[in-house]
Amino acid sequence: MRYLVTGGAGFIGSNTVDELVRRGHSVVVLDDLSAGKEENLTEVRSKITFIKGSITELEIVQKAMLQADYVIHLAARASVPRSVKDPIETNRINVDGTLNVLVAARDNKVKRVVFAASSSVYGETPTLPKSEDMRPLPISPYGVSKYVGELYSQTFGRCYGLENVCLRYFNIFGPRQDPDSPYSGVLSRFATAFLESTQPVVFGDGEQTRDFTYVDNAVQANILACEAPSASGGTFNIGTGRSISLNQVLQMLQNIAGKKLAAKYEPPREGDIRDSLADIRRARETLGYEPTVMFEEGLQRTFAWYLAQSAKKVAN
């Protein structure tokens, strides 16, 4: 099978590409490298087709889509704070770009598009766990852009018969998540703080909870969503069904790193939700999804990866 992975040089994308190649598939990556890195694809570079370009350019998307059977659409501006700061650019990439991907998929008669949606669509609704039947109430432009992507995907299914699956990711973390960006995931920043013995910064009181989901689980979900016979038109939570507070995460990292660091607490960031927890029953039943790496093991693997990266930098 031939897969197009948009954003395939990014964190989730490159991990997905590695697994697709391992399974013997033909893979095309479309990435403008605004967030992704070519070095993330080093191990598979000779086995894939890489196209540098943006999903905001329809002609480039059409070119990348040629002969694709499945599209895993991960390219996005994936940051709540950046969307609050610059909603127009977030809309241009996440909404206009997704529309380009869907149009090209329709024109090239692909079998199915899997869209990387987000748990941010739920907003601050107090009900936990979050189930797919709940009314979306996003509180950030990023959350809105991801919800619009879902609506467009499903509408293309109804209008044009384009098979589509939307996956609402819950706080994906793991190797290759960029810790250098001010908008990077909290776990990559925490891990770096412990490696460098600097104060980890917590926005809020640290008692906010997240359903942190190791990247291997998201990769599994991406591929299952392409293959599951009755999944088209569906929206699925991708998490672990367990949540943990940021203060608990810091305690775990102290044990893993073997050092104690006092956190620096700053005011909560605009657009950040308080608590998040996924109901994953629908993904289990329809996709056959089952998280294989739970949080503590994922955190250990992630810290080991950052430690290895740090050692490489020192060696060079």
Protein backbone atom coordinates (compact mmCIF):
# COMPACT_ATOMS: atom_id res chain seq x y z
CA MET A 1 0.00 0.00 0.00
CA ARG A 2 1.07 3.59 -0.62
CA TYR A 3 0.68 6.06 2.22
CA LEU A 4 0.99 9.84 2.19
CA VAL A 5 1.92 11.21 5.61
CA THR A 6 1.57 14.98 5.85
CA GLY A 7 3.79 16.38 8.57
CA GLY A 8 5.78 13.15 8.28
CA ALA A 9 9.05 14.72 9.46
CA GLY A 10 7.45 15.81 12.72
CA PHE A 11 7.26 14.09 16.07
CA ILE A 12 4.20 11.86 15.59
CA GLY A 13 4.67 11.79 11.82
CA SER A 14 8.21 10.42 11.76
CA ASN A 15 7.35 7.73 14.30
CA THR A 16 4.40 6.76 12.09
CA VAL A 17 6.58 6.71 8.96
CA ASP A 18 9.11 4.43 10.68
CA GLU A 19 6.38 1.90 11.48
CA LEU A 20 4.85 2.04 7.99
CA VAL A 21 8.26 1.38 6.43
CA ARG A 22 8.88 -1.44 8.92
CA ARG A 23 5.65 -3.03 7.72
CA GLY A 24 6.82 -2.85 4.10
CA HIS A 25 4.59 -0.05 2.83
CA SER A 26 5.46 2.61 0.26
CA VAL A 27 5.54 6.03 1.97
CA VAL A 28 5.50 9.63 0.73
CA VAL A 29 6.19 12.38 3.25
CA LEU A 30 5.03 15.96 2.71
CA ASP A 31 6.50 18.42 5.20
CA ASP A 32 7.60 22.05 5.01
CA LEU A 33 10.03 21.52 7.94
CA SER A 34 8.59 24.47 9.85
CA ALA A 35 8.27 22.17 12.86
CA GLY A 36 9.51 18.81 11.60
CA LYS A 37 13.15 17.88 11.01
CA GLU A 38 14.65 15.82 8.20
CA GLU A 39 16.95 14.16 10.74
CA ASN A 40 13.83 12.50 12.24
CA LEU A 41 13.67 10.45 9.04
CA THR A 42 17.37 9.52 8.90
CA GLU A 43 16.83 5.78 9.42
CA VAL A 44 14.25 5.46 6.61
CA ARG A 45 15.28 8.30 4.28
CA SER A 46 16.46 5.99 1.49
CA LYS A 47 13.20 4.00 1.60
CA ILE A 48 10.68 6.86 1.32
CA THR A 49 9.83 9.74 -1.00
CA PHE A 50 10.27 13.10 0.71
CA ILE A 51 8.62 16.24 -0.68
CA LYS A 52 9.39 19.56 0.97
CA GLY A 53 6.27 21.67 0.79
CA SER A 54 3.30 23.05 2.67
CA ILE A 55 -0.26 21.80 2.85
CA THR A 56 -1.29 25.41 2.20
CA GLU A 57 -0.18 24.94 -1.46
CA LEU A 58 -2.82 22.86 -3.24
CA GLU A 59 -0.60 22.10 -6.24
CA ILE A 60 2.09 20.59 -4.01
CA VAL A 61 -0.49 18.56 -2.10
CA GLN A 62 -1.91 17.24 -5.38
CA LYS A 63 1.58 16.17 -6.46
CA ALA A 64 2.26 14.40 -3.15
CA MET A 65 -1.12 12.65 -3.30
CA LEU A 66 -0.52 10.88 -6.64
CA GLN A 67 -1.25 7.14 -6.39
CA ALA A 68 -1.76 7.29 -2.62
CA ASP A 69 -4.03 4.63 -1.14
CA TYR A 70 -4.22 6.18 2.33
CA VAL A 71 -3.50 9.62 3.76
CA ILE A 72 -2.49 10.16 7.37
CA HIS A 73 -2.91 13.92 7.78
CA LEU A 74 -0.76 15.14 10.67
CA ALA A 75 0.57 18.45 9.30
CA ALA A 76 -0.66 21.35 11.45
CA ARG A 77 0.34 24.26 13.59
CA ALA A 78 0.01 22.22 16.77
CA SER A 79 0.11 24.77 19.57
CA VAL A 80 -2.62 26.25 21.74
CA PRO A 81 -0.52 29.28 22.86
CA ARG A 82 0.54 30.08 19.28
CA SER A 83 -3.08 29.89 18.14
CA VAL A 84 -4.07 32.38 20.84
CA LYS A 85 -1.26 34.67 19.72
CA ASP A 86 -1.90 34.28 15.98
CA PRO A 87 -5.32 32.81 15.16
CA ILE A 88 -5.19 33.80 11.47
CA GLU A 89 -2.05 31.78 10.72
CA THR A 90 -3.38 28.82 12.72
CA ASN A 91 -6.56 28.92 10.63
CA ARG A 92 -4.60 29.20 7.37
CA ILE A 93 -2.54 26.10 8.11
CA ASN A 94 -5.01 23.94 10.03
CA VAL A 95 -8.24 24.77 8.21
CA ASP A 96 -7.23 25.88 4.71
CA GLY A 97 -4.43 23.29 4.65
CA THR A 98 -6.77 20.48 5.69
CA LEU A 99 -9.25 21.53 3.02
CA ASN A 100 -6.45 21.25 0.43
CA VAL A 101 -5.63 17.75 1.66
CA LEU A 102 -9.26 16.67 1.42
CA VAL A 103 -9.72 18.15 -2.06
CA ALA A 104 -6.57 16.41 -3.32
CA ALA A 105 -7.66 13.14 -1.70
CA ARG A 106 -11.04 13.40 -3.38
CA ASP A 107 -9.49 14.20 -6.77
CA ASN A 108 -7.02 11.31 -6.49
CA LYS A 109 -9.66 8.86 -5.25
CA VAL A 110 -7.72 7.75 -2.17
CA LYS A 111 -9.25 4.98 -0.08
CA ARG A 112 -9.32 6.88 3.20
CA VAL A 113 -8.03 9.99 4.99
CA VAL A 114 -7.11 9.78 8.68
CA PHE A 115 -7.20 13.22 10.26
CA ALA A 116 -5.25 14.07 13.42
CA ALA A 117 -7.88 15.80 15.51
CA SER A 118 -7.41 16.85 19.14
CA SER A 119 -8.86 16.50 22.62
CA SER A 120 -8.74 20.31 22.73
CA VAL A 121 -12.13 20.30 20.97
CA TYR A 122 -13.77 19.36 24.30
CA GLY A 123 -12.69 22.58 25.99
CA GLU A 124 -13.39 23.07 29.68
CA THR A 125 -16.44 20.83 30.03
CA PRO A 126 -16.15 19.43 33.59
CA THR A 127 -17.37 15.92 32.71
CA LEU A 128 -14.67 13.24 32.84
CA PRO A 129 -13.81 11.10 31.01
CA LYS A 130 -14.40 12.84 27.70
CA SER A 131 -16.55 10.82 25.33
CA GLU A 132 -17.02 11.43 21.62
CA ASP A 133 -20.74 12.10 22.12
CA MET A 134 -20.06 15.24 24.17
CA ARG A 135 -20.69 18.58 22.52
CA PRO A 136 -17.39 20.20 21.47
CA LEU A 137 -16.76 23.54 23.19
CA PRO A 138 -13.17 24.53 22.28
CA ILE A 139 -11.63 27.43 24.21
CA SER A 140 -8.71 28.17 21.86
CA PRO A 141 -8.39 28.96 18.15
CA TYR A 142 -6.36 25.74 17.88
CA GLY A 143 -9.27 23.72 19.27
CA VAL A 144 -11.65 25.43 16.84
CA SER A 145 -9.34 24.71 13.88
CA LYS A 146 -9.17 21.02 14.78
CA TYR A 147 -12.93 20.78 15.15
CA VAL A 148 -13.43 22.45 11.76
CA GLY A 149 -11.04 19.85 10.30
CA GLU A 150 -13.30 17.11 11.68
CA LEU A 151 -16.39 18.73 10.19
CA TYR A 152 -14.73 19.13 6.79
CA SER A 153 -13.55 15.50 6.83
CA GLN A 154 -17.02 14.20 7.61
CA THR A 155 -18.66 16.55 5.09
CA PHE A 156 -16.34 15.27 2.35
CA GLY A 157 -17.54 11.80 3.29
CA ARG A 158 -21.15 12.83 2.85
CA CYS A 159 -20.67 14.98 -0.27
CA TYR A 160 -18.07 13.00 -2.18
CA GLY A 161 -17.97 9.57 -0.58
CA LEU A 162 -14.43 10.17 0.71
CA GLU A 163 -13.76 7.73 3.56
CA ASN A 164 -12.45 9.53 6.63
CA VAL A 165 -11.55 8.87 10.26
CA CYS A 166 -10.86 11.55 12.88
CA LEU A 167 -8.60 10.74 15.84
CA ARG A 168 -8.78 12.99 18.88
CA TYR A 169 -5.29 12.70 20.34
CA PHE A 170 -4.83 13.19 24.08
CA ASN A 171 -1.45 14.73 24.96
CA ILE A 172 0.89 12.62 22.87
CA PHE A 173 4.49 12.49 24.11
CA GLY A 174 7.69 10.58 23.43
CA PRO A 175 10.98 10.57 21.49
CA ARG A 176 11.50 13.34 18.90
CA GLN A 177 9.16 15.82 20.57
CA ASP A 178 11.08 19.08 20.25
CA PRO A 179 12.01 20.48 23.70
CA ASP A 180 13.60 23.63 22.26
CA SER A 181 10.34 25.24 21.15
CA PRO A 182 8.59 27.50 23.69
CA TYR A 183 5.39 25.81 22.52
CA SER A 184 6.59 22.23 22.93
CA GLY A 185 4.82 19.61 25.01
CA VAL A 186 5.19 19.83 28.77
CA LEU A 187 6.89 16.43 29.13
CA SER A 188 9.67 17.30 26.67
CA ARG A 189 10.30 20.51 28.62
CA PHE A 190 10.26 18.71 31.95
CA ALA A 191 12.69 16.04 30.70
CA THR A 192 15.08 18.70 29.42
CA ALA A 193 14.93 20.57 32.74
CA PHE A 194 15.98 17.41 34.60
CA LEU A 195 18.80 16.75 32.14
CA GLU A 196 20.10 20.31 32.47
CA SER A 197 19.31 20.65 36.22
CA THR A 198 17.23 23.77 35.59
CA GLN A 199 13.92 24.61 37.23
CA PRO A 200 10.98 22.92 35.50
CA VAL A 201 8.30 25.53 34.79
CA VAL A 202 4.69 24.65 35.59
CA PHE A 203 1.90 26.89 34.30
CA GLY A 204 -0.71 26.78 37.07
CA ASP A 205 -0.60 24.92 40.37
CA GLY A 206 0.51 21.57 38.92
CA GLU A 207 -2.66 19.82 40.00
CA GLN A 208 -4.11 19.94 36.48
CA THR A 209 -4.38 16.47 34.98
CA ARG A 210 -3.70 15.02 31.55
CA ASP A 211 -4.20 11.70 29.80
CA PHE A 212 -0.59 11.56 28.61
CA THR A 213 -0.33 9.11 25.71
CA TYR A 214 2.94 7.61 24.54
CA VAL A 215 3.59 8.09 20.82
CA ASP A 216 3.62 4.36 19.98
CA ASN A 217 -0.07 4.26 20.91
CA ALA A 218 -0.84 7.11 18.48
CA VAL A 219 1.13 5.36 15.72
CA GLN A 220 -0.86 2.18 16.28
CA ALA A 221 -4.11 4.18 16.14
CA ASN A 222 -3.11 5.94 12.90
CA ILE A 223 -2.57 2.65 11.09
CA LEU A 224 -5.62 0.92 12.58
CA ALA A 225 -7.75 3.90 11.48
CA CYS A 226 -6.66 3.31 7.88
CA GLU A 227 -7.55 -0.37 8.01
CA ALA A 228 -10.60 -0.78 10.30
CA PRO A 229 -13.52 -1.78 8.01
CA SER A 230 -16.36 0.03 9.82
CA ALA A 231 -14.49 3.12 11.02
CA SER A 232 -15.20 5.55 8.16
CA GLY A 233 -17.05 8.68 9.24
CA GLY A 234 -16.16 8.05 12.87
CA THR A 235 -14.41 10.15 15.50
CA PHE A 236 -12.32 8.37 18.12
CA ASN A 237 -10.49 9.37 21.30
CA ILE A 238 -6.88 8.19 21.37
CA GLY A 239 -5.55 8.15 24.91
CA THR A 240 -4.93 5.64 27.68
CA GLY A 241 -8.04 6.09 29.81
CA ARG A 242 -5.89 7.18 32.76
CA SER A 243 -4.84 10.65 33.89
CA ILE A 244 -2.05 12.05 36.02
CA SER A 245 -1.27 15.49 37.48
CA LEU A 246 1.78 17.51 36.48
CA ASN A 247 3.02 17.42 40.08
CA GLN A 248 2.88 13.60 39.99
CA VAL A 249 4.82 13.65 36.71
CA LEU A 250 7.54 15.76 38.34
CA GLN A 251 7.75 13.28 41.23
CA MET A 252 8.15 10.38 38.77
CA LEU A 253 10.86 12.24 36.86
CA GLN A 254 12.74 12.86 40.10
CA ASN A 255 12.81 9.10 40.65
CA ILE A 256 13.80 8.33 37.04
CA ALA A 257 16.51 11.03 36.88
CA GLY A 258 17.70 10.46 40.44
CA LYS A 259 17.62 14.15 41.35
CA LYS A 260 15.27 16.59 43.04
CA LEU A 261 14.38 19.90 41.42
CA ALA A 262 12.01 22.52 42.78
CA ALA A 263 9.42 23.52 40.20
CA LYS A 264 8.77 27.14 39.27
CA TYR A 265 5.04 27.84 39.21
CA GLU A 266 3.77 30.51 36.84
CA PRO A 267 0.25 31.72 35.94
CA PRO A 268 -1.85 29.36 33.77
CA ARG A 269 -1.58 29.89 30.01
CA GLU A 270 -4.50 31.16 27.99
CA GLY A 271 -6.43 28.40 26.28
CA ASP A 272 -5.08 25.60 28.50
CA ILE A 273 -7.70 23.28 29.94
CA ARG A 274 -7.69 22.11 33.57
CA ASP A 275 -8.33 18.38 33.31
CA SER A 276 -8.35 15.84 30.51
CA LEU A 277 -9.16 12.12 30.41
CA ALA A 278 -10.16 9.98 27.43
CA ASP A 279 -12.97 7.48 27.20
CA ILE A 280 -11.40 5.05 24.71
CA ARG A 281 -14.17 2.45 24.52
CA ARG A 282 -15.23 3.44 20.99
CA ALA A 283 -11.65 3.18 19.68
CA ARG A 284 -11.32 -0.23 21.33
CA GLU A 285 -14.54 -1.52 19.82
CA THR A 286 -14.30 -0.12 16.29
CA LEU A 287 -10.57 0.25 15.62
CA GLY A 288 -9.27 -2.58 17.78
CA TYR A 289 -7.12 0.04 19.55
CA GLU A 290 -5.47 -0.87 22.83
CA PRO A 291 -2.74 1.26 24.42
CA THR A 292 0.38 -0.90 24.57
CA VAL A 293 2.70 1.49 26.42
CA MET A 294 1.33 3.03 29.61
CA PHE A 295 2.52 6.29 31.11
CA GLU A 296 5.35 5.30 33.44
CA GLU A 297 7.06 3.09 30.86
CA GLY A 298 6.59 5.78 28.22
CA LEU A 299 8.12 8.40 30.52
CA GLN A 300 11.14 6.18 31.17
CA ARG A 301 11.63 5.58 27.44
CA THR A 302 11.25 9.28 26.69
CA PHE A 303 13.76 10.37 29.34
CA ALA A 304 16.24 7.74 28.09
CA TRP A 305 15.87 9.13 24.56
CA TYR A 306 16.52 12.73 25.65
CA LEU A 307 19.49 11.51 27.70
CA ALA A 308 20.93 9.81 24.60
CA GLN A 309 20.36 12.97 22.50
CA SER A 310 22.13 15.04 25.14
CA ALA A 311 25.10 12.66 25.10
CA LYS A 312 25.29 12.92 21.28
CA LYS A 313 25.43 16.73 21.48
CA VAL A 314 28.26 16.57 24.00
CA ALA A 315 30.14 14.06 21.83
CA ASN A 316 29.85 16.32 18.79
